[in-house]
Amino acid sequence: MSRSIRQFLGEALGVLATVVIFWIPFYFVIVNAMKNETEAAALNLSWPSEVRLVENFKEAITSGNHMLLRAFYNSILITLL
């Protein structure tokens, strides 16, 4: 095998590894954020039957007496100090 073919295969393998390691987890998180509780518990990569992104974010923010907003505020405060 010539050097250029080996280099191309190495670069292609590197790109493939990057996609698997970095992009698939992001896809998994975004797709599961759009699912209802039953579909999200299945832990698969399928697209949701009903997109509930806004409703899920509202529920996450308002649950626990707005604890997520308080945690976000505390993180910003610690970062700036």
Protein backbone atom coordinates (compact mmCIF):
# COMPACT_ATOMS: atom_id res chain seq x y z
CA MET A 1 0.00 0.00 0.00
CA SER A 2 1.34 3.39 -0.86
CA ARG A 3 1.90 6.06 1.73
CA SER A 4 -0.92 8.32 0.45
CA ILE A 5 -3.51 5.51 0.67
CA ARG A 6 -2.40 4.63 4.21
CA GLN A 7 -2.57 8.30 5.17
CA PHE A 8 -6.06 8.63 3.66
CA LEU A 9 -7.30 5.52 5.48
CA GLY A 10 -5.81 6.77 8.74
CA GLU A 11 -7.52 10.13 8.36
CA ALA A 12 -10.84 8.49 7.44
CA LEU A 13 -10.59 6.25 10.49
CA GLY A 14 -9.86 9.32 12.63
CA VAL A 15 -12.94 11.12 11.31
CA LEU A 16 -15.09 8.04 11.87
CA ALA A 17 -13.81 7.69 15.45
CA THR A 18 -14.54 11.38 16.08
CA VAL A 19 -18.10 10.97 14.84
CA VAL A 20 -18.69 7.94 17.02
CA ILE A 21 -17.08 9.38 20.14
CA PHE A 22 -18.43 12.95 19.98
CA TRP A 23 -21.49 13.26 17.73
CA ILE A 24 -23.51 10.16 18.61
CA PRO A 25 -23.74 11.07 22.33
CA PHE A 26 -24.93 14.59 21.41
CA TYR A 27 -27.54 13.10 19.09
CA PHE A 28 -28.64 10.72 21.86
CA VAL A 29 -29.07 13.55 24.38
CA ILE A 30 -30.95 15.82 21.96
CA VAL A 31 -33.28 13.07 20.77
CA ASN A 32 -34.03 11.92 24.32
CA ALA A 33 -34.75 15.51 25.35
CA MET A 34 -37.60 15.50 22.81
CA LYS A 35 -39.21 12.23 24.02
CA ASN A 36 -41.83 11.60 26.68
CA GLU A 37 -40.81 9.68 29.81
CA THR A 38 -41.79 6.26 28.49
CA GLU A 39 -39.90 6.62 25.21
CA ALA A 40 -36.84 8.13 26.92
CA ALA A 41 -36.71 5.21 29.37
CA ALA A 42 -36.27 2.83 26.42
CA LEU A 43 -32.80 4.36 25.80
CA ASN A 44 -32.76 3.86 22.04
CA LEU A 45 -31.70 6.13 19.18
CA SER A 46 -35.09 6.22 17.47
CA TRP A 47 -36.84 9.49 16.71
CA PRO A 48 -39.69 10.33 19.16
CA SER A 49 -43.27 9.66 18.11
CA GLU A 50 -44.25 13.10 19.47
CA VAL A 51 -41.77 15.97 19.88
CA ARG A 52 -42.08 17.46 23.38
CA LEU A 53 -38.93 19.58 23.57
CA VAL A 54 -40.48 22.78 24.91
CA GLU A 55 -42.71 20.96 27.42
CA ASN A 56 -39.77 18.89 28.68
CA PHE A 57 -37.57 21.96 29.18
CA LYS A 58 -40.38 23.77 31.00
CA GLU A 59 -40.82 20.79 33.31
CA ALA A 60 -37.07 20.50 33.95
CA ILE A 61 -36.79 24.19 34.82
CA THR A 62 -39.85 24.37 37.05
CA SER A 63 -39.38 21.06 38.89
CA GLY A 64 -37.86 21.12 42.35
CA ASN A 65 -38.94 24.70 43.04
CA HIS A 66 -36.83 26.06 40.14
CA MET A 67 -33.71 24.30 41.44
CA LEU A 68 -32.13 24.21 37.97
CA LEU A 69 -32.29 28.00 37.68
CA ARG A 70 -30.74 28.37 41.13
CA ALA A 71 -27.92 25.98 40.18
CA PHE A 72 -27.31 27.92 36.96
CA TYR A 73 -27.23 31.19 38.92
CA ASN A 74 -24.75 29.71 41.43
CA SER A 75 -22.50 28.48 38.60
CA ILE A 76 -22.44 31.91 37.01
CA LEU A 77 -21.75 33.56 40.38
CA ILE A 78 -18.83 31.23 41.13
CA THR A 79 -17.43 31.69 37.63
CA LEU A 80 -17.48 35.46 37.87
CA LEU A 81 -15.95 35.64 41.34
